[in-house]
Protein backbone atom coordinates (compact mmCIF):
# COMPACT_ATOMS: atom_id res chain seq x y z
CA MET A 1 35.26 -14.21 -22.88
CA ILE A 2 33.85 -14.75 -19.50
CA PRO A 3 37.08 -15.03 -16.44
CA PRO A 4 37.04 -17.32 -14.52
CA PHE A 5 35.09 -16.05 -11.14
CA GLN A 6 33.51 -17.86 -7.65
CA TYR A 7 29.27 -18.23 -7.64
CA LYS A 8 27.08 -16.94 -4.62
CA ILE A 9 24.22 -17.91 -3.61
CA PRO A 10 23.02 -16.34 0.19
CA LYS A 11 20.08 -18.42 1.76
CA ASN A 12 18.98 -15.41 2.40
CA LEU A 13 19.67 -11.10 2.87
CA GLN A 14 21.03 -11.16 6.30
CA GLU A 15 23.54 -13.81 4.13
CA ALA A 16 23.74 -11.92 1.05
CA CYS A 17 25.18 -9.12 3.14
CA ASP A 18 27.92 -10.67 5.20
CA LEU A 19 28.75 -12.06 1.44
CA LEU A 20 29.81 -8.35 0.54
CA TRP A 21 30.68 -6.99 4.04
CA ASP A 22 33.27 -9.98 3.27
CA TYR A 23 34.11 -8.91 -0.76
CA ARG A 24 33.67 -5.93 -1.75
CA GLU A 25 35.20 -3.94 -4.73
CA LYS A 26 35.97 -7.80 -5.70
CA ALA A 27 32.26 -8.49 -5.58
CA LYS A 28 29.19 -7.79 -7.85
CA VAL A 29 25.34 -8.42 -7.31
CA ILE A 30 23.61 -10.43 -10.39
CA ALA A 31 19.65 -10.92 -10.46
CA GLY A 32 18.14 -10.92 -13.96
CA GLY A 33 22.40 -10.41 -15.58
CA THR A 34 21.07 -8.79 -18.09
CA ASP A 35 22.92 -5.41 -18.25
CA LEU A 36 25.90 -7.36 -15.71
CA ILE A 37 26.60 -10.55 -18.24
CA ILE A 38 26.75 -8.17 -21.28
CA ALA A 39 29.75 -6.29 -18.78
CA LEU A 40 31.14 -10.05 -18.35
CA ARG A 41 31.30 -10.72 -22.23
CA ASN A 42 33.47 -7.57 -22.86
CA GLY A 43 35.29 -8.03 -20.11
CA LEU A 44 34.11 -4.09 -18.97
CA LEU A 45 34.06 -6.30 -15.37
CA ARG A 46 36.21 -8.36 -14.65
CA PRO A 47 34.52 -9.25 -10.15
CA GLU A 48 35.98 -12.11 -8.32
CA VAL A 49 32.63 -13.04 -7.22
CA LEU A 50 29.18 -13.18 -8.65
CA ILE A 51 26.50 -12.52 -5.84
CA ASP A 52 23.65 -14.25 -7.05
CA ILE A 53 20.20 -12.77 -5.04
CA THR A 54 17.44 -13.35 -8.08
CA HIS A 55 15.76 -16.36 -5.43
CA LEU A 56 15.38 -14.45 -2.25
CA SER A 57 11.81 -13.80 -0.64
CA GLU A 58 12.45 -10.16 0.10
CA LEU A 59 13.72 -8.78 -2.55
CA ARG A 60 10.67 -11.12 -4.75
CA LYS A 61 7.44 -9.03 -3.23
CA ILE A 62 5.33 -6.37 -4.63
CA GLU A 63 3.16 -5.19 -2.03
CA GLU A 64 0.62 -2.39 -0.60
CA ARG A 65 0.25 -1.15 2.92
CA ASP A 66 -1.12 1.91 4.80
CA GLY A 67 -1.09 3.98 1.86
CA ILE A 68 2.83 3.08 0.51
CA ILE A 69 3.66 0.75 -2.62
CA SER A 70 6.55 -1.61 -2.23
CA ILE A 71 8.20 -3.28 -4.69
CA GLY A 72 11.70 -6.08 -4.86
CA GLY A 73 14.33 -4.95 -6.23
CA ALA A 74 14.46 -8.39 -8.02
CA VAL A 75 11.03 -8.20 -9.36
CA THR A 76 11.15 -8.30 -13.13
CA HIS A 77 9.25 -6.22 -15.51
CA SER A 78 7.70 -8.72 -16.49
CA GLU A 79 5.69 -8.96 -12.79
CA ILE A 80 5.49 -4.94 -12.51
CA SER A 81 3.47 -4.54 -15.71
CA ALA A 82 0.61 -7.49 -14.73
CA SER A 83 1.01 -6.21 -11.57
CA PRO A 84 -2.66 -5.83 -10.29
CA ILE A 85 -1.25 -3.69 -7.80
CA ILE A 86 0.97 -1.62 -9.89
CA ARG A 87 -1.86 -1.45 -12.87
CA THR A 88 -3.96 0.57 -10.38
CA TYR A 89 -1.43 2.97 -8.52
CA GLY A 90 1.62 3.52 -10.25
CA ARG A 91 0.13 2.90 -13.62
CA ILE A 92 3.00 5.07 -15.50
CA LEU A 93 5.27 1.91 -13.88
CA SER A 94 3.94 -0.86 -14.97
CA GLU A 95 3.22 0.94 -18.95
CA ALA A 96 6.96 1.64 -18.75
CA ALA A 97 8.00 -1.64 -18.31
CA SER A 98 5.92 -3.23 -20.49
CA GLN A 99 7.53 -1.30 -22.52
CA ILE A 100 10.85 -2.63 -21.96
CA GLY A 101 13.73 -4.86 -24.18
CA SER A 102 12.06 -8.16 -25.61
CA PRO A 103 9.88 -10.95 -23.47
CA GLN A 104 12.89 -12.12 -22.80
CA ILE A 105 14.66 -9.37 -21.82
CA ARG A 106 11.30 -8.69 -19.15
CA ASN A 107 11.04 -11.88 -17.85
CA THR A 108 14.48 -11.85 -16.97
CA GLY A 109 16.03 -8.58 -16.35
CA THR A 110 15.28 -6.34 -13.07
CA ILE A 111 14.15 -3.14 -11.65
CA GLY A 112 16.73 -2.78 -8.69
CA GLY A 113 19.34 -3.41 -12.26
CA ASN A 114 18.07 -1.00 -14.05
CA VAL A 115 17.46 0.92 -11.24
CA VAL A 116 21.91 0.66 -9.86
CA ASN A 117 23.06 0.01 -13.92
CA ALA A 118 21.89 3.96 -13.88
CA SER A 119 21.52 4.74 -17.95
CA PRO A 120 20.87 7.39 -18.80
CA ALA A 121 18.34 5.63 -21.05
CA ALA A 122 16.74 3.73 -18.44
CA ASP A 123 12.75 3.34 -18.83
CA THR A 124 11.27 2.79 -15.03
CA LEU A 125 14.20 6.06 -14.67
CA PRO A 126 11.42 8.53 -14.93
CA PRO A 127 8.07 7.12 -14.05
CA LEU A 128 10.22 6.47 -10.63
CA MET A 129 10.51 9.63 -10.70
CA VAL A 130 7.31 11.64 -10.53
CA LEU A 131 6.59 9.05 -8.23
CA GLU A 132 8.57 10.34 -5.60
CA ALA A 133 9.86 6.77 -5.59
CA MET A 134 11.75 6.41 -2.53
CA GLY A 135 14.94 3.21 -2.92
CA LYS A 136 15.90 0.98 0.65
CA VAL A 137 19.12 0.07 0.60
CA VAL A 138 20.44 -2.11 2.71
CA SER A 139 24.10 -3.41 3.90
CA LYS A 140 25.12 -4.98 7.22
CA GLU A 141 25.95 -1.54 9.12
CA GLY A 142 22.09 -1.61 8.07
CA GLU A 143 19.06 0.40 6.36
CA LYS A 144 18.55 3.53 4.56
CA GLU A 145 15.99 5.30 2.58
CA ALA A 146 16.64 7.51 0.08
CA PRO A 147 14.99 8.94 -3.29
CA ILE A 148 15.41 7.75 -6.67
CA ASP A 149 17.24 10.64 -7.98
CA SER A 150 20.39 10.68 -5.05
CA LEU A 151 20.87 7.20 -5.74
CA ILE A 152 22.39 8.35 -9.58
CA GLN A 153 25.59 9.51 -9.23
CA GLY A 154 25.47 10.23 -13.31
CA PRO A 155 25.18 7.73 -16.54
CA TYR A 156 26.42 4.61 -15.54
CA ARG A 157 27.24 5.23 -11.88
CA SER A 158 25.28 4.51 -8.23
CA THR A 159 26.06 6.40 -5.96
CA LEU A 160 25.65 3.10 -4.60
CA LEU A 161 28.72 1.62 -2.41
CA PRO A 162 29.83 -2.09 -2.77
CA HIS A 163 28.39 -3.72 -0.22
CA GLU A 164 25.47 -1.98 -0.95
CA ILE A 165 21.67 -3.51 -2.49
CA LEU A 166 19.00 -1.85 -3.21
CA VAL A 167 15.95 -4.79 -1.45
CA SER A 168 12.59 -2.59 -2.50
CA ILE A 169 11.81 0.78 -4.64
CA SER A 170 8.99 2.15 -2.64
CA PHE A 171 6.11 5.22 -3.69
CA LYS A 172 2.59 6.72 -2.36
CA LYS A 173 -0.30 5.17 -3.91
CA LEU A 174 -1.42 7.34 -6.45
CA PRO A 175 -5.00 9.18 -6.31
CA PRO A 176 -7.81 8.34 -7.83
CA HIS A 177 -7.24 12.50 -9.96
CA MET A 178 -3.59 11.93 -10.74
CA LYS A 179 -3.00 10.52 -13.95
CA GLY A 180 0.44 10.69 -16.24
CA SER A 181 1.94 9.57 -19.41
CA PHE A 182 4.85 7.53 -20.73
CA ILE A 183 6.54 8.17 -23.44
CA ARG A 184 9.75 7.05 -25.35
CA LEU A 185 11.02 6.68 -28.41
CA ALA A 186 13.65 4.43 -30.48
CA ARG A 187 14.44 2.82 -33.72
CA ARG A 188 12.02 1.27 -34.06
CA ASP A 189 9.18 -0.39 -32.18
CA GLY A 190 10.81 -3.42 -29.97
CA MET A 191 14.81 -4.33 -28.90
CA ALA A 192 16.40 -0.88 -28.54
CA ILE A 193 17.29 1.32 -26.42
CA ALA A 194 15.16 4.85 -25.78
CA ARG A 195 16.90 7.86 -27.48
CA MET A 196 14.51 9.78 -25.96
CA SER A 197 11.42 9.60 -22.64
CA ILE A 198 9.12 11.93 -21.30
CA ALA A 199 6.98 9.90 -17.41
CA VAL A 200 4.19 13.10 -16.89
CA LEU A 201 2.51 12.57 -13.60
CA LEU A 202 -0.55 15.65 -13.14
CA GLN A 203 -3.41 16.42 -11.19
CA ARG A 204 -6.50 17.53 -12.75
CA GLU A 205 -8.92 20.09 -11.68
CA GLY A 206 -11.63 20.95 -14.12
CA ASN A 207 -9.94 22.65 -16.81
CA ARG A 208 -6.33 23.86 -14.47
CA MET A 209 -3.60 21.80 -14.03
CA LYS A 210 -2.78 21.89 -11.09
CA GLU A 211 0.27 19.58 -8.71
CA VAL A 212 2.47 18.82 -11.82
CA ARG A 213 5.63 15.99 -12.15
CA ILE A 214 7.72 15.24 -15.39
CA SER A 215 10.91 13.06 -16.13
CA VAL A 216 12.82 13.12 -19.08
CA GLY A 217 15.66 10.28 -19.44
CA ALA A 218 17.79 8.98 -22.87
CA ILE A 219 18.29 13.26 -23.00
CA THR A 220 19.88 14.08 -20.22
CA PRO A 221 22.93 12.15 -19.22
CA THR A 222 20.56 11.44 -15.94
CA PRO A 223 17.04 10.94 -15.99
CA GLN A 224 15.76 14.13 -13.96
CA ARG A 225 13.05 15.77 -13.38
CA MET A 226 11.95 18.57 -14.85
CA LYS A 227 10.90 21.86 -12.49
CA GLU A 228 11.09 25.24 -13.66
CA ALA A 229 8.77 23.59 -16.76
CA GLU A 230 6.80 22.14 -13.63
CA SER A 231 6.63 25.65 -12.49
CA LEU A 232 4.79 27.45 -14.94
CA LEU A 233 1.96 24.88 -15.92
CA GLU A 234 1.24 23.68 -11.96
CA ASP A 235 -2.18 25.97 -11.50
CA GLN A 236 -2.52 26.99 -14.06
CA PRO A 237 -5.20 26.68 -17.72
CA PHE A 238 -4.88 24.03 -20.03
CA ASP A 239 -4.10 25.75 -23.25
CA LEU A 240 -1.44 24.47 -26.55
CA GLU A 241 0.42 27.61 -26.08
CA ARG A 242 1.68 26.97 -21.80
CA LEU A 243 2.47 23.32 -23.21
CA ARG A 244 4.72 25.03 -26.32
CA VAL A 245 7.04 27.36 -24.19
CA ALA A 246 6.92 24.15 -20.95
CA SER A 247 8.39 22.03 -23.40
CA GLU A 248 10.69 25.24 -24.95
CA LYS A 249 12.24 24.76 -21.65
CA ILE A 250 12.87 21.26 -21.48
CA SER A 251 14.60 21.61 -24.83
CA SER A 252 16.66 23.96 -23.91
CA ALA A 253 17.27 21.81 -19.90
CA MET A 254 18.62 19.00 -23.17
CA VAL A 255 20.76 21.76 -24.64
CA LEU A 256 21.98 23.29 -21.21
CA ARG A 257 23.39 20.21 -19.77
CA SER A 258 24.28 17.35 -23.22
CA GLY A 259 25.81 20.32 -24.87
CA VAL A 260 25.44 20.72 -28.84
CA ARG A 261 25.47 17.88 -30.46
CA PRO A 262 25.13 16.60 -33.22
CA SER A 263 21.88 15.19 -33.48
CA THR A 264 20.37 19.01 -31.78
CA SER A 265 19.20 20.29 -35.18
CA TYR A 266 16.65 16.97 -34.35
CA LYS A 267 15.99 16.16 -31.29
CA SER A 268 15.90 19.37 -29.72
CA PRO A 269 11.67 19.72 -31.72
CA VAL A 270 10.51 15.63 -31.28
CA VAL A 271 11.38 16.34 -27.82
CA LYS A 272 9.05 19.78 -27.76
CA ALA A 273 6.86 17.83 -29.11
CA LEU A 274 6.97 14.94 -27.40
CA THR A 275 6.41 16.28 -23.90
CA MET A 276 3.44 17.85 -25.76
CA ARG A 277 2.21 14.89 -26.64
CA ALA A 278 2.86 12.73 -22.73
CA ILE A 279 1.19 16.57 -21.42
CA GLN A 280 -1.49 16.28 -23.20
CA GLN A 281 -2.91 12.53 -23.31
CA ALA A 282 -1.82 13.19 -18.78
CA PHE A 283 -4.86 15.68 -18.87
CA GLU A 284 -7.29 13.91 -20.88
CA ASN A 285 -6.11 10.29 -19.12
CA ILE A 286 -7.55 11.99 -16.68
């Protein structure tokens, strides 16, 4: 049973910031609520106040301006997957958003919530990291921008303070010559949390891989870039042996950061295979 709470619907972003400033740790922000409601039902959270930001116009936009794509924190996964702007200039994110949960979850859940919830298996985080996205955080004290990975403190823990709101996420428009791929592995195709996911962006020149960005999810405590593997591939010819070495680096990073677990003997070869497949897909997409 969900304990009683006050429900506040601010008229604008400034009022939302004022409410959060007043209530601090006693309040929680709600938009899609796909994770928050479950936490309330299970007694994991007991806020005195819920502040609903779903309808705030400042958080509901997808825009392109001066080469920058901006997505409001309350934009849903369905809106991202269907957006012509995202499909053109950040397709890897729309591909990931289209695979989240069920249609009901995609129609309700928001990108801001997916980031702030900080699940190790969050489907949007690996694509956002290879897009080198920035998060805009607002409070009564002002606003700041920070890389998406710096907003993740640990599993299910963000760096946002109780009085702060993630109002938008932005990234530079991908140039036409940079393509990507996103692959997730789960127990089934729909309504299942990712067991592993990988996002790859790369720039190809002839048979060479120029800039390469790789991020993984669900196999480490937090989604993160795989810089060592990237450095092995950048400005190098495309060949399967090089991909194999890079995939082994990522598998080793998984063991280093997560430790040896009963599932490691299964995950390690699968991580290698997914890595090679994702890089090959990104290379061939160009």
